[in-house]
N, C-alpha and C. Protein backbone atom coordinates (compact mmCIF):
# COMPACT_ATOMS: atom_id res chain seq x y z
N MET A 1 -98.21 -44.41 -59.18
CA MET A 1 -98.87 -44.38 -57.89
C MET A 1 -98.97 -42.93 -57.40
N GLN A 2 -100.18 -42.52 -57.07
CA GLN A 2 -100.39 -41.16 -56.62
C GLN A 2 -100.04 -41.03 -55.14
N LYS A 3 -99.40 -39.91 -54.80
CA LYS A 3 -99.06 -39.67 -53.40
C LYS A 3 -100.33 -39.39 -52.61
N LYS A 4 -100.33 -39.87 -51.37
CA LYS A 4 -101.49 -39.67 -50.51
C LYS A 4 -101.62 -38.19 -50.11
N PHE A 5 -100.48 -37.57 -49.79
CA PHE A 5 -100.48 -36.16 -49.39
C PHE A 5 -99.56 -35.38 -50.31
N PRO A 6 -100.13 -34.52 -51.16
CA PRO A 6 -99.29 -33.73 -52.06
C PRO A 6 -98.33 -32.84 -51.28
N LYS A 7 -97.21 -32.56 -51.91
CA LYS A 7 -96.21 -31.69 -51.31
C LYS A 7 -96.79 -30.28 -51.14
N ASN A 8 -96.44 -29.64 -50.04
CA ASN A 8 -96.89 -28.27 -49.74
C ASN A 8 -98.41 -28.13 -49.63
N TYR A 9 -99.08 -29.21 -49.29
CA TYR A 9 -100.53 -29.17 -49.15
C TYR A 9 -100.95 -28.17 -48.07
N HIS A 10 -100.10 -28.01 -47.06
CA HIS A 10 -100.41 -27.10 -45.96
C HIS A 10 -100.61 -25.66 -46.45
N LYS A 11 -99.96 -25.30 -47.55
CA LYS A 11 -100.11 -23.93 -48.07
C LYS A 11 -101.54 -23.69 -48.57
N ASN A 12 -102.14 -24.71 -49.17
CA ASN A 12 -103.54 -24.59 -49.62
C ASN A 12 -104.47 -24.45 -48.43
N ILE A 13 -104.24 -25.27 -47.43
CA ILE A 13 -105.08 -25.21 -46.23
C ILE A 13 -104.92 -23.85 -45.55
N GLU A 14 -103.68 -23.41 -45.43
CA GLU A 14 -103.39 -22.12 -44.80
C GLU A 14 -104.13 -20.99 -45.53
N LYS A 15 -104.10 -21.02 -46.84
CA LYS A 15 -104.76 -19.99 -47.64
C LYS A 15 -106.27 -19.99 -47.38
N LYS A 16 -106.86 -21.18 -47.33
CA LYS A 16 -108.31 -21.29 -47.10
C LYS A 16 -108.68 -20.78 -45.71
N PHE A 17 -107.88 -21.14 -44.72
CA PHE A 17 -108.13 -20.65 -43.36
C PHE A 17 -108.01 -19.13 -43.31
N GLN A 18 -106.99 -18.60 -43.94
CA GLN A 18 -106.77 -17.15 -43.91
C GLN A 18 -107.94 -16.41 -44.54
N GLU A 19 -108.47 -16.94 -45.65
CA GLU A 19 -109.62 -16.32 -46.30
C GLU A 19 -110.81 -16.26 -45.35
N LYS A 20 -111.02 -17.35 -44.59
CA LYS A 20 -112.12 -17.39 -43.62
C LYS A 20 -111.86 -16.44 -42.46
N PHE A 21 -110.65 -16.49 -41.92
CA PHE A 21 -110.32 -15.64 -40.76
C PHE A 21 -110.44 -14.16 -41.09
N ASP A 22 -110.12 -13.79 -42.30
CA ASP A 22 -110.17 -12.38 -42.71
C ASP A 22 -111.58 -11.80 -42.71
N ASN A 23 -112.60 -12.66 -42.69
CA ASN A 23 -113.99 -12.21 -42.75
C ASN A 23 -114.54 -11.73 -41.41
N HIS A 24 -113.82 -12.00 -40.30
CA HIS A 24 -114.32 -11.63 -38.97
C HIS A 24 -113.19 -11.12 -38.09
N THR A 25 -113.56 -10.51 -36.98
CA THR A 25 -112.58 -9.96 -36.04
C THR A 25 -111.93 -11.06 -35.22
N THR A 26 -110.84 -10.70 -34.57
CA THR A 26 -110.15 -11.64 -33.68
C THR A 26 -111.09 -12.08 -32.56
N ASN A 27 -111.83 -11.13 -31.98
CA ASN A 27 -112.75 -11.48 -30.89
C ASN A 27 -113.81 -12.48 -31.33
N TYR A 28 -114.31 -12.32 -32.53
CA TYR A 28 -115.30 -13.25 -33.07
C TYR A 28 -114.72 -14.67 -33.07
N TRP A 29 -113.51 -14.81 -33.61
CA TRP A 29 -112.90 -16.13 -33.71
C TRP A 29 -112.53 -16.70 -32.34
N LEU A 30 -112.07 -15.86 -31.45
CA LEU A 30 -111.74 -16.35 -30.10
C LEU A 30 -112.98 -16.93 -29.43
N LYS A 31 -114.10 -16.21 -29.51
CA LYS A 31 -115.34 -16.70 -28.90
C LYS A 31 -115.78 -18.02 -29.53
N LYS A 32 -115.73 -18.06 -30.85
CA LYS A 32 -116.17 -19.26 -31.58
C LYS A 32 -115.28 -20.47 -31.25
N LEU A 33 -113.98 -20.27 -31.25
CA LEU A 33 -113.06 -21.37 -30.98
C LEU A 33 -113.17 -21.84 -29.53
N LYS A 34 -113.25 -20.90 -28.60
CA LYS A 34 -113.36 -21.27 -27.18
C LYS A 34 -114.69 -21.97 -26.89
N LYS A 35 -115.75 -21.52 -27.56
CA LYS A 35 -117.07 -22.15 -27.39
C LYS A 35 -117.01 -23.63 -27.78
N ASN A 36 -116.13 -23.96 -28.72
CA ASN A 36 -115.97 -25.34 -29.18
C ASN A 36 -114.78 -26.03 -28.52
N ASN A 37 -114.35 -25.50 -27.37
CA ASN A 37 -113.26 -26.09 -26.57
C ASN A 37 -111.94 -26.22 -27.34
N ILE A 38 -111.69 -25.27 -28.20
CA ILE A 38 -110.42 -25.26 -28.93
C ILE A 38 -109.52 -24.24 -28.24
N PRO A 39 -108.41 -24.69 -27.64
CA PRO A 39 -107.54 -23.75 -26.94
C PRO A 39 -106.96 -22.71 -27.90
N CYS A 40 -107.06 -21.45 -27.51
CA CYS A 40 -106.55 -20.38 -28.37
C CYS A 40 -106.38 -19.11 -27.56
N GLU A 41 -105.62 -18.20 -28.12
CA GLU A 41 -105.44 -16.87 -27.54
C GLU A 41 -104.96 -15.96 -28.65
N ALA A 42 -105.26 -14.70 -28.52
CA ALA A 42 -104.85 -13.73 -29.54
C ALA A 42 -103.36 -13.47 -29.43
N VAL A 43 -102.73 -13.28 -30.57
CA VAL A 43 -101.33 -12.85 -30.60
C VAL A 43 -101.36 -11.34 -30.43
N ARG A 44 -100.59 -10.85 -29.50
CA ARG A 44 -100.61 -9.42 -29.19
C ARG A 44 -99.44 -8.70 -29.85
N PHE A 45 -99.69 -7.47 -30.24
CA PHE A 45 -98.63 -6.61 -30.74
C PHE A 45 -97.92 -5.99 -29.54
N ILE A 46 -96.67 -5.60 -29.71
CA ILE A 46 -95.87 -5.06 -28.62
C ILE A 46 -96.56 -3.86 -27.97
N GLU A 47 -97.20 -3.02 -28.77
CA GLU A 47 -97.89 -1.85 -28.24
C GLU A 47 -98.99 -2.26 -27.26
N GLU A 48 -99.67 -3.37 -27.55
CA GLU A 48 -100.73 -3.86 -26.67
C GLU A 48 -100.15 -4.44 -25.39
N LEU A 49 -99.05 -5.15 -25.51
CA LEU A 49 -98.44 -5.78 -24.34
C LEU A 49 -97.94 -4.77 -23.33
N LEU A 50 -97.46 -3.64 -23.79
CA LEU A 50 -96.89 -2.64 -22.88
C LEU A 50 -97.89 -2.13 -21.86
N SER A 51 -99.18 -2.22 -22.19
CA SER A 51 -100.20 -1.76 -21.25
C SER A 51 -101.12 -2.90 -20.79
N ASP A 52 -100.75 -4.14 -21.07
CA ASP A 52 -101.57 -5.29 -20.70
C ASP A 52 -101.51 -5.52 -19.19
N GLU A 53 -102.67 -5.48 -18.53
CA GLU A 53 -102.75 -5.63 -17.07
C GLU A 53 -102.07 -6.90 -16.57
N GLN A 54 -102.37 -8.01 -17.22
CA GLN A 54 -101.83 -9.29 -16.77
C GLN A 54 -100.32 -9.37 -16.98
N ALA A 55 -99.83 -8.86 -18.09
CA ALA A 55 -98.38 -8.87 -18.35
C ALA A 55 -97.65 -8.03 -17.30
N ILE A 56 -98.25 -6.92 -16.91
CA ILE A 56 -97.64 -6.06 -15.89
C ILE A 56 -97.69 -6.75 -14.53
N LYS A 57 -98.83 -7.34 -14.20
CA LYS A 57 -99.00 -8.03 -12.91
C LYS A 57 -98.01 -9.19 -12.79
N ASN A 58 -97.75 -9.88 -13.89
CA ASN A 58 -96.83 -11.03 -13.88
C ASN A 58 -95.36 -10.61 -14.03
N ASN A 59 -95.10 -9.32 -14.06
CA ASN A 59 -93.74 -8.78 -14.24
C ASN A 59 -93.12 -9.15 -15.58
N ASN A 60 -93.98 -9.42 -16.58
CA ASN A 60 -93.46 -9.62 -17.93
C ASN A 60 -93.08 -8.28 -18.55
N ILE A 61 -93.77 -7.24 -18.11
CA ILE A 61 -93.48 -5.87 -18.52
C ILE A 61 -93.20 -5.09 -17.24
N ILE A 62 -92.05 -4.42 -17.18
CA ILE A 62 -91.69 -3.69 -15.97
C ILE A 62 -91.24 -2.27 -16.30
N LYS A 63 -91.39 -1.39 -15.33
CA LYS A 63 -90.93 -0.01 -15.47
C LYS A 63 -89.67 0.14 -14.63
N LEU A 64 -88.65 0.75 -15.23
CA LEU A 64 -87.37 0.93 -14.56
C LEU A 64 -86.89 2.36 -14.70
N LYS A 65 -86.03 2.75 -13.77
CA LYS A 65 -85.32 4.03 -13.87
C LYS A 65 -84.06 3.75 -14.67
N HIS A 66 -83.91 4.38 -15.82
CA HIS A 66 -82.74 4.20 -16.68
C HIS A 66 -81.60 5.04 -16.14
N HIS A 67 -80.36 4.67 -16.45
CA HIS A 67 -79.21 5.42 -15.96
C HIS A 67 -79.17 6.86 -16.48
N THR A 68 -79.97 7.13 -17.51
CA THR A 68 -80.05 8.50 -18.03
C THR A 68 -80.98 9.36 -17.17
N GLY A 69 -81.69 8.70 -16.26
CA GLY A 69 -82.66 9.40 -15.41
C GLY A 69 -84.08 9.25 -15.89
N ASP A 70 -84.26 8.77 -17.12
CA ASP A 70 -85.60 8.57 -17.67
C ASP A 70 -86.20 7.28 -17.13
N ASN A 71 -87.53 7.23 -17.10
CA ASN A 71 -88.21 5.98 -16.80
C ASN A 71 -88.39 5.23 -18.12
N ILE A 72 -88.17 3.93 -18.10
CA ILE A 72 -88.33 3.12 -19.31
C ILE A 72 -89.24 1.94 -19.02
N ILE A 73 -89.85 1.43 -20.06
CA ILE A 73 -90.66 0.21 -19.97
C ILE A 73 -89.91 -0.85 -20.74
N THR A 74 -89.73 -2.02 -20.13
CA THR A 74 -88.98 -3.09 -20.77
C THR A 74 -89.56 -4.43 -20.35
N THR A 75 -89.01 -5.50 -20.90
CA THR A 75 -89.47 -6.83 -20.51
C THR A 75 -88.83 -7.23 -19.19
N GLY A 76 -89.58 -7.96 -18.40
CA GLY A 76 -89.07 -8.45 -17.12
C GLY A 76 -88.26 -9.71 -17.34
N PRO A 77 -87.68 -10.23 -16.25
CA PRO A 77 -86.91 -11.48 -16.37
C PRO A 77 -87.81 -12.63 -16.80
N VAL A 78 -87.28 -13.50 -17.64
CA VAL A 78 -88.07 -14.63 -18.14
C VAL A 78 -88.41 -15.58 -17.00
N LEU A 79 -87.43 -15.91 -16.18
CA LEU A 79 -87.65 -16.80 -15.04
C LEU A 79 -87.35 -16.04 -13.75
N ASP A 80 -88.36 -15.86 -12.94
CA ASP A 80 -88.20 -15.18 -11.65
C ASP A 80 -89.21 -15.78 -10.69
N PHE A 81 -89.00 -17.05 -10.33
CA PHE A 81 -89.97 -17.80 -9.55
C PHE A 81 -90.24 -17.19 -8.18
N ASN A 82 -89.24 -16.58 -7.55
CA ASN A 82 -89.41 -16.04 -6.21
C ASN A 82 -89.54 -14.53 -6.18
N HIS A 83 -89.59 -13.91 -7.35
CA HIS A 83 -89.69 -12.44 -7.46
C HIS A 83 -88.57 -11.76 -6.69
N LYS A 84 -87.37 -12.32 -6.74
CA LYS A 84 -86.23 -11.77 -6.01
C LYS A 84 -85.15 -11.19 -6.92
N ILE A 85 -85.34 -11.29 -8.23
CA ILE A 85 -84.34 -10.76 -9.15
C ILE A 85 -84.37 -9.24 -9.06
N LYS A 86 -83.21 -8.64 -8.89
CA LYS A 86 -83.11 -7.18 -8.81
C LYS A 86 -83.38 -6.61 -10.20
N LYS A 87 -84.35 -5.76 -10.27
CA LYS A 87 -84.74 -5.19 -11.56
C LYS A 87 -84.07 -3.84 -11.74
N LYS A 88 -83.16 -3.77 -12.68
CA LYS A 88 -82.50 -2.50 -13.00
C LYS A 88 -82.17 -2.48 -14.48
N SER A 89 -81.96 -1.29 -14.98
CA SER A 89 -81.67 -1.18 -16.41
C SER A 89 -80.25 -1.65 -16.71
N ALA A 90 -80.00 -1.88 -17.97
CA ALA A 90 -78.66 -2.31 -18.40
C ALA A 90 -77.64 -1.22 -18.06
N PRO A 91 -76.40 -1.61 -17.80
CA PRO A 91 -75.38 -0.61 -17.45
C PRO A 91 -75.02 0.26 -18.65
N LYS A 92 -74.49 1.43 -18.34
CA LYS A 92 -73.97 2.30 -19.40
C LYS A 92 -72.77 1.60 -20.04
N LEU A 93 -72.46 1.97 -21.24
CA LEU A 93 -71.31 1.40 -21.94
C LEU A 93 -70.05 1.63 -21.11
N GLY A 94 -69.39 0.56 -20.73
CA GLY A 94 -68.15 0.65 -19.97
C GLY A 94 -68.33 0.80 -18.47
N GLU A 95 -69.57 0.87 -18.00
CA GLU A 95 -69.83 1.12 -16.58
C GLU A 95 -69.17 0.08 -15.66
N ASN A 96 -69.13 -1.16 -16.09
CA ASN A 96 -68.59 -2.23 -15.24
C ASN A 96 -67.22 -2.72 -15.69
N ASN A 97 -66.55 -1.97 -16.53
CA ASN A 97 -65.25 -2.42 -17.06
C ASN A 97 -64.25 -2.78 -15.97
N ILE A 98 -64.10 -1.91 -14.97
CA ILE A 98 -63.08 -2.14 -13.94
C ILE A 98 -63.37 -3.43 -13.17
N GLU A 99 -64.62 -3.61 -12.74
CA GLU A 99 -64.98 -4.83 -12.00
C GLU A 99 -64.77 -6.09 -12.85
N ILE A 100 -65.18 -6.01 -14.10
CA ILE A 100 -65.05 -7.18 -14.98
C ILE A 100 -63.59 -7.51 -15.23
N LEU A 101 -62.80 -6.52 -15.59
CA LEU A 101 -61.38 -6.78 -15.88
C LEU A 101 -60.63 -7.22 -14.62
N THR A 102 -60.98 -6.66 -13.46
CA THR A 102 -60.36 -7.09 -12.20
C THR A 102 -60.70 -8.55 -11.92
N SER A 103 -61.96 -8.91 -12.15
CA SER A 103 -62.36 -10.31 -11.89
C SER A 103 -61.69 -11.28 -12.86
N LEU A 104 -61.23 -10.77 -14.00
CA LEU A 104 -60.51 -11.61 -14.98
C LEU A 104 -59.01 -11.63 -14.73
N GLY A 105 -58.58 -10.94 -13.67
CA GLY A 105 -57.17 -10.99 -13.29
C GLY A 105 -56.31 -9.85 -13.78
N TYR A 106 -56.89 -8.84 -14.41
CA TYR A 106 -56.11 -7.69 -14.86
C TYR A 106 -55.69 -6.86 -13.65
N LYS A 107 -54.49 -6.34 -13.69
CA LYS A 107 -53.98 -5.49 -12.61
C LYS A 107 -54.55 -4.08 -12.77
N LYS A 108 -54.70 -3.39 -11.63
CA LYS A 108 -55.29 -2.04 -11.64
C LYS A 108 -54.50 -1.08 -12.51
N ASP A 109 -53.17 -1.19 -12.50
CA ASP A 109 -52.34 -0.31 -13.34
C ASP A 109 -52.61 -0.53 -14.82
N THR A 110 -52.78 -1.79 -15.20
CA THR A 110 -53.07 -2.11 -16.60
C THR A 110 -54.41 -1.52 -17.00
N ILE A 111 -55.40 -1.65 -16.12
CA ILE A 111 -56.74 -1.12 -16.41
C ILE A 111 -56.68 0.40 -16.55
N LYS A 112 -55.96 1.06 -15.63
CA LYS A 112 -55.81 2.53 -15.70
C LYS A 112 -55.15 2.94 -17.01
N ASP A 113 -54.16 2.15 -17.44
CA ASP A 113 -53.47 2.42 -18.70
C ASP A 113 -54.44 2.29 -19.88
N TYR A 114 -55.28 1.25 -19.84
CA TYR A 114 -56.28 1.05 -20.90
C TYR A 114 -57.23 2.25 -20.97
N ILE A 115 -57.63 2.75 -19.80
CA ILE A 115 -58.54 3.91 -19.77
C ILE A 115 -57.83 5.14 -20.33
N LYS A 116 -56.58 5.35 -19.91
CA LYS A 116 -55.79 6.50 -20.37
C LYS A 116 -55.62 6.48 -21.89
N LYS A 117 -55.36 5.28 -22.43
CA LYS A 117 -55.15 5.14 -23.88
C LYS A 117 -56.47 5.04 -24.65
N LYS A 118 -57.58 5.12 -23.91
CA LYS A 118 -58.93 5.04 -24.48
C LYS A 118 -59.18 3.71 -25.18
N ILE A 119 -58.53 2.67 -24.66
CA ILE A 119 -58.80 1.31 -25.14
C ILE A 119 -60.16 0.88 -24.61
N ILE A 120 -60.44 1.28 -23.35
CA ILE A 120 -61.75 1.06 -22.75
C ILE A 120 -62.24 2.40 -22.21
N LEU A 121 -63.51 2.44 -21.89
CA LEU A 121 -64.09 3.68 -21.33
C LEU A 121 -63.81 3.78 -19.85
């Protein structure tokens, strides 16, 4: 009995699609697919996203002042429904050690000792 769907059949289909897609630009295919009511969008490279108007407007790409003093471009928060998340760069290595260890119950003398012994920064 012959199988109805051969194993890895998708690879043949994928190859045929790729051969067709390679013959035209992304814009050509987007227009053609959208004209036929097929939902689609171009996959963007990171370089394109960094200057994409809509990504910037939606806070998917944000500019921050880094702790080094430089301005950096990075991704915004994934979920920020009210636009109230404080946008700041990641802390320097060890910047929050004292607060974190204090919140975990470490005594200030112990923390100072760790710093002195260079166990932490």
